Amino acid sequence: MGQFKMDRIRNKGRWKSRTMGEKLGRLTIVVCLVLGVNSAWATAGEDSTRSASPSVSAKKTARKGAKTIQTAPGPSMEKASPGSDFVIGPDDVLAVNVWKEPEISQTVAVRPDGKISLPLVGEVVASGLTPKQLQHAIGQHLEEYLSDPEVTVIVHEVKSQRVVVVGEVAKPGSYALQTPMTVLDVIAQAGGPLEYAKVKSICILRTGADGRSARLRFNYKEVISGKNLAQNIKLEAHDTVVVP
């Protein structure tokens, strides 16, 4: 009987010990599962943040780019031919357009006397005016016949802006200033100086706005050798280059 009680006590202790062990084991598993889930959520959060950050950055970049496009100054849409301050001269070809009046709209050349002729308008002075000034002058003439005439004048061909090359060059004559030209440019266009030309004594004759004449010296040999390049000036309309 005493032995039986002792065995029962021992078995009860073993059962309690096994039960506690099982409880601890289950608790450990639960803790591990919780930690694992938290770690997984943290990793997932980091991944989502990383994956989201490029898009956020891209959006910011796109916004900045959009702002730059809106605020950046674009190219000017105003187009003048060949320039808003261009002064019309003899031989220039003008395209005159009167809105809804095809019979009056014409392409005309400025005569040597500086005038052009148009239907209803008659003769009108064009030389010495800018295209906008000529538009206004033609519009005033047309007001006698039309209500609020809309006139546009475009310089179709520039022939008045010319320089003359004379003297000892292969092709002396008059040359159009279609683009900015220097003394060396126009001499080259004229075929270059001849064998016996006095290339050290070339000069440019220029008449200023005040009517005064100026004589500018040009040493061809110095310029082609890279010396004193300041004398290779840009030519102006009506300049005369003399190659003695």
Protein backbone atom coordinates (compact mmCIF):
# COMPACT_ATOMS: atom_id res chain seq x y z
CA MET A 1 0.00 0.00 0.00
CA GLY A 2 2.84 2.37 0.79
CA GLN A 3 4.59 1.43 -2.42
CA PHE A 4 1.43 2.11 -4.40
CA LYS A 5 1.14 5.66 -3.02
CA MET A 6 4.75 6.37 -3.79
CA ASP A 7 4.33 5.25 -7.42
CA ARG A 8 1.22 7.36 -7.73
CA ILE A 9 3.01 10.45 -6.43
CA ARG A 10 5.89 9.84 -8.80
CA ASN A 11 3.56 9.39 -11.77
CA LYS A 12 1.71 12.56 -10.83
CA GLY A 13 5.00 14.51 -10.68
CA ARG A 14 6.03 13.13 -14.05
CA TRP A 15 2.64 14.10 -15.50
CA LYS A 16 2.96 17.64 -14.12
CA SER A 17 6.50 17.90 -15.45
CA ARG A 18 5.43 16.67 -18.88
CA THR A 19 2.45 19.03 -18.88
CA MET A 20 4.66 22.01 -17.99
CA GLY A 21 7.11 21.02 -20.70
CA GLU A 22 4.38 20.80 -23.27
CA LYS A 23 3.03 24.22 -22.18
CA LEU A 24 6.50 25.77 -22.43
CA GLY A 25 7.02 24.21 -25.83
CA ARG A 26 3.69 25.57 -27.10
CA LEU A 27 4.48 28.96 -25.65
CA THR A 28 7.84 28.96 -27.42
CA ILE A 29 6.19 28.07 -30.72
CA VAL A 30 3.65 30.88 -30.31
CA VAL A 31 6.39 33.39 -29.51
CA CYS A 32 8.39 32.30 -32.55
CA LEU A 33 5.33 32.58 -34.75
CA VAL A 34 4.58 36.08 -33.46
CA LEU A 35 8.18 37.19 -33.97
CA GLY A 36 8.22 35.66 -37.43
CA VAL A 37 5.01 37.44 -38.43
CA ASN A 38 6.29 40.78 -37.12
CA SER A 39 9.54 40.31 -39.01
CA ALA A 40 7.65 39.44 -42.16
CA TRP A 41 5.44 42.51 -41.79
CA ALA A 42 8.49 44.71 -41.21
CA THR A 43 10.24 43.30 -44.27
CA ALA A 44 7.12 43.72 -46.35
CA GLY A 45 6.81 47.32 -45.14
CA GLU A 46 10.42 48.07 -46.08
CA ASP A 47 9.95 46.49 -49.51
CA SER A 48 6.76 48.44 -50.12
CA THR A 49 8.49 51.63 -49.01
CA ARG A 50 11.43 50.94 -51.32
CA SER A 51 9.16 50.10 -54.21
CA ALA A 52 7.04 53.16 -53.54
CA SER A 53 9.95 55.58 -53.19
CA PRO A 54 10.96 55.51 -56.87
CA SER A 55 7.41 56.37 -57.91
CA VAL A 56 7.29 59.20 -55.40
CA SER A 57 10.63 60.42 -56.65
CA ALA A 58 9.45 60.07 -60.20
CA LYS A 59 6.34 62.11 -59.39
CA LYS A 60 8.44 64.82 -57.82
CA THR A 61 10.76 64.81 -60.81
CA ALA A 62 7.79 64.95 -63.16
CA ARG A 63 6.31 67.87 -61.24
CA LYS A 64 9.63 69.70 -61.33
CA GLY A 65 9.93 68.95 -65.02
CA ALA A 66 6.41 70.20 -65.65
CA LYS A 67 7.12 73.38 -63.74
CA THR A 68 10.34 73.92 -65.71
CA ILE A 69 8.52 73.52 -69.00
CA GLN A 70 5.85 76.01 -67.96
CA THR A 71 8.23 78.62 -66.63
CA ALA A 72 11.02 78.27 -69.17
CA PRO A 73 10.92 81.04 -71.76
CA GLY A 74 10.04 79.64 -75.12
CA PRO A 75 11.26 80.83 -78.44
CA SER A 76 9.75 84.05 -79.69
CA MET A 77 6.89 83.52 -82.12
CA GLU A 78 7.30 86.99 -83.63
CA LYS A 79 8.77 86.77 -87.11
CA ALA A 80 9.82 89.77 -89.11
CA SER A 81 11.29 89.51 -92.56
CA PRO A 82 14.09 90.35 -92.55
CA GLY A 83 13.71 92.39 -89.36
CA SER A 84 11.27 94.64 -87.55
CA ASP A 85 13.67 97.61 -88.00
CA PHE A 86 14.56 96.80 -91.60
CA VAL A 87 14.38 99.85 -93.86
CA ILE A 88 13.01 99.25 -97.34
CA GLY A 89 15.12 100.45 -100.25
CA PRO A 90 15.09 100.52 -104.05
CA ASP A 91 14.96 97.12 -105.82
CA ASP A 92 13.55 95.35 -102.74
CA VAL A 93 10.67 93.02 -103.63
CA LEU A 94 7.62 93.39 -101.39
CA ALA A 95 4.61 91.12 -100.93
CA VAL A 96 1.65 93.37 -100.15
CA ASN A 97 -1.45 91.54 -98.94
CA VAL A 98 -4.83 93.19 -98.28
CA TRP A 99 -7.20 90.84 -96.46
CA LYS A 100 -10.10 89.67 -98.63
CA GLU A 101 -8.90 91.88 -101.50
CA PRO A 102 -6.97 89.62 -103.91
CA GLU A 103 -7.12 92.22 -106.70
CA ILE A 104 -5.17 94.70 -104.59
CA SER A 105 -2.77 92.15 -103.07
CA GLN A 106 0.37 92.03 -105.20
CA THR A 107 4.09 91.33 -105.18
CA VAL A 108 5.86 94.48 -106.33
CA ALA A 109 9.43 95.76 -106.63
CA VAL A 110 10.45 99.13 -105.27
CA ARG A 111 11.34 101.37 -108.18
CA PRO A 112 14.60 103.37 -108.32
CA ASP A 113 12.61 106.44 -107.27
CA GLY A 114 11.64 104.57 -104.05
CA LYS A 115 7.95 104.16 -104.89
CA ILE A 116 5.54 101.28 -105.54
CA SER A 117 2.20 101.23 -107.35
CA LEU A 118 -0.94 99.37 -106.23
CA PRO A 119 -4.58 99.33 -107.44
CA LEU A 120 -6.76 101.95 -105.67
CA VAL A 121 -3.66 103.17 -103.81
CA GLY A 122 -1.72 104.49 -106.79
CA GLU A 123 1.88 105.46 -106.10
CA VAL A 124 3.17 105.39 -102.54
CA VAL A 125 6.67 105.98 -101.23
CA ALA A 126 8.19 102.78 -99.82
CA SER A 127 11.91 103.52 -99.69
CA GLY A 128 13.05 104.70 -96.28
CA LEU A 129 10.11 103.09 -94.45
CA THR A 130 9.93 99.94 -92.37
CA PRO A 131 7.37 97.27 -93.40
CA LYS A 132 5.06 98.34 -90.55
CA GLN A 133 5.23 101.99 -91.57
CA LEU A 134 4.43 101.07 -95.17
CA GLN A 135 1.48 98.95 -93.99
CA HIS A 136 0.08 101.97 -92.18
CA ALA A 137 0.60 104.25 -95.20
CA ILE A 138 -1.16 101.85 -97.58
CA GLY A 139 -3.99 101.35 -95.07
CA GLN A 140 -4.57 105.12 -94.92
CA HIS A 141 -4.87 105.29 -98.71
CA LEU A 142 -7.34 102.38 -98.76
CA GLU A 143 -9.62 103.85 -96.07
CA GLU A 144 -11.27 105.94 -98.80
CA TYR A 145 -12.50 102.75 -100.47
CA LEU A 146 -12.54 100.00 -97.80
CA SER A 147 -13.80 99.77 -94.23
CA ASP A 148 -10.96 98.95 -91.79
CA PRO A 149 -8.50 97.56 -94.38
CA GLU A 150 -6.00 95.03 -92.99
CA VAL A 151 -2.68 95.34 -94.79
CA THR A 152 0.41 93.14 -94.43
CA VAL A 153 3.78 93.94 -96.01
CA ILE A 154 6.50 91.30 -96.17
CA VAL A 155 9.95 91.86 -97.65
CA HIS A 156 10.07 89.02 -100.17
CA GLU A 157 13.57 89.72 -101.52
CA VAL A 158 16.26 92.00 -100.18
CA LYS A 159 18.07 93.71 -103.03
CA SER A 160 18.70 97.18 -101.64
CA GLN A 161 21.21 95.99 -99.03
CA ARG A 162 24.24 95.83 -101.26
CA VAL A 163 27.94 96.67 -101.25
CA VAL A 164 30.17 97.50 -104.18
CA VAL A 165 33.65 96.13 -104.84
CA VAL A 166 35.76 98.06 -107.35
CA GLY A 167 39.36 97.99 -108.51
CA GLU A 168 41.84 95.17 -108.89
CA VAL A 169 39.66 92.14 -108.14
CA ALA A 170 38.64 89.27 -110.40
CA LYS A 171 34.90 90.11 -110.36
CA PRO A 172 34.20 93.75 -109.47
CA GLY A 173 30.56 94.63 -109.01
CA SER A 174 27.63 94.92 -106.62
CA TYR A 175 27.00 92.20 -104.02
CA ALA A 176 23.91 91.62 -101.87
CA LEU A 177 24.25 91.56 -98.09
CA GLN A 178 22.00 88.55 -97.60
CA THR A 179 23.98 87.64 -94.45
CA PRO A 180 26.48 89.64 -92.37
CA MET A 181 29.68 89.98 -94.40
CA THR A 182 33.13 91.24 -93.55
CA VAL A 183 35.60 92.98 -95.88
CA LEU A 184 37.47 89.72 -96.38
CA ASP A 185 34.20 87.92 -97.19
CA VAL A 186 33.23 90.30 -99.98
CA ILE A 187 36.74 90.37 -101.46
CA ALA A 188 36.67 86.57 -101.58
CA GLN A 189 33.21 86.70 -103.20
CA ALA A 190 34.63 89.09 -105.80
CA GLY A 191 37.25 86.48 -106.72
CA GLY A 192 40.10 87.89 -104.65
CA PRO A 193 42.69 90.57 -105.49
CA LEU A 194 44.56 90.42 -108.78
CA GLU A 195 48.29 89.91 -109.04
CA TYR A 196 49.28 93.58 -109.07
CA ALA A 197 46.71 94.85 -106.59
CA LYS A 198 48.01 97.00 -103.75
CA VAL A 199 46.52 94.78 -101.06
CA LYS A 200 48.07 96.78 -98.21
CA SER A 201 46.16 99.89 -99.24
CA ILE A 202 42.59 98.62 -99.59
CA CYS A 203 39.96 101.00 -98.17
CA ILE A 204 36.23 101.04 -97.40
CA LEU A 205 34.23 104.15 -98.27
CA ARG A 206 31.22 104.61 -95.99
CA THR A 207 28.58 107.33 -95.71
CA GLY A 208 27.13 107.75 -92.22
CA ALA A 209 23.55 108.60 -91.27
CA ASP A 210 24.61 112.23 -90.88
CA GLY A 211 25.83 112.30 -94.49
CA ARG A 212 29.52 112.38 -93.60
CA SER A 213 31.90 110.13 -95.51
CA ALA A 214 34.49 107.95 -93.82
CA ARG A 215 37.52 106.19 -95.25
CA LEU A 216 38.49 102.97 -93.41
CA ARG A 217 41.80 101.26 -94.18
CA PHE A 218 42.19 97.51 -94.70
CA ASN A 219 45.50 95.65 -95.01
CA TYR A 220 44.73 92.39 -96.80
CA LYS A 221 48.09 90.76 -96.01
CA GLU A 222 47.83 91.46 -92.29
CA VAL A 223 44.34 90.01 -92.02
CA ILE A 224 45.04 86.78 -93.93
CA SER A 225 48.15 86.27 -91.75
CA GLY A 226 46.07 86.69 -88.57
CA LYS A 227 47.33 90.14 -87.59
CA ASN A 228 45.24 93.20 -86.70
CA LEU A 229 41.94 91.38 -87.27
CA ALA A 230 39.96 94.33 -85.91
CA GLN A 231 40.21 96.02 -89.32
CA ASN A 232 38.18 93.16 -90.88
CA ILE A 233 34.94 94.97 -90.06
CA LYS A 234 31.37 93.98 -90.91
CA LEU A 235 30.15 95.80 -93.98
CA GLU A 236 27.04 97.97 -94.06
CA ALA A 237 24.64 98.60 -96.92
CA HIS A 238 26.05 100.97 -99.57
CA ASP A 239 29.68 100.51 -98.47
CA THR A 240 32.24 100.59 -101.30
CA VAL A 241 35.38 98.45 -101.07
CA VAL A 242 38.21 99.87 -103.16
CA VAL A 243 41.09 97.57 -104.10
CA PRO A 244 43.77 99.79 -105.78
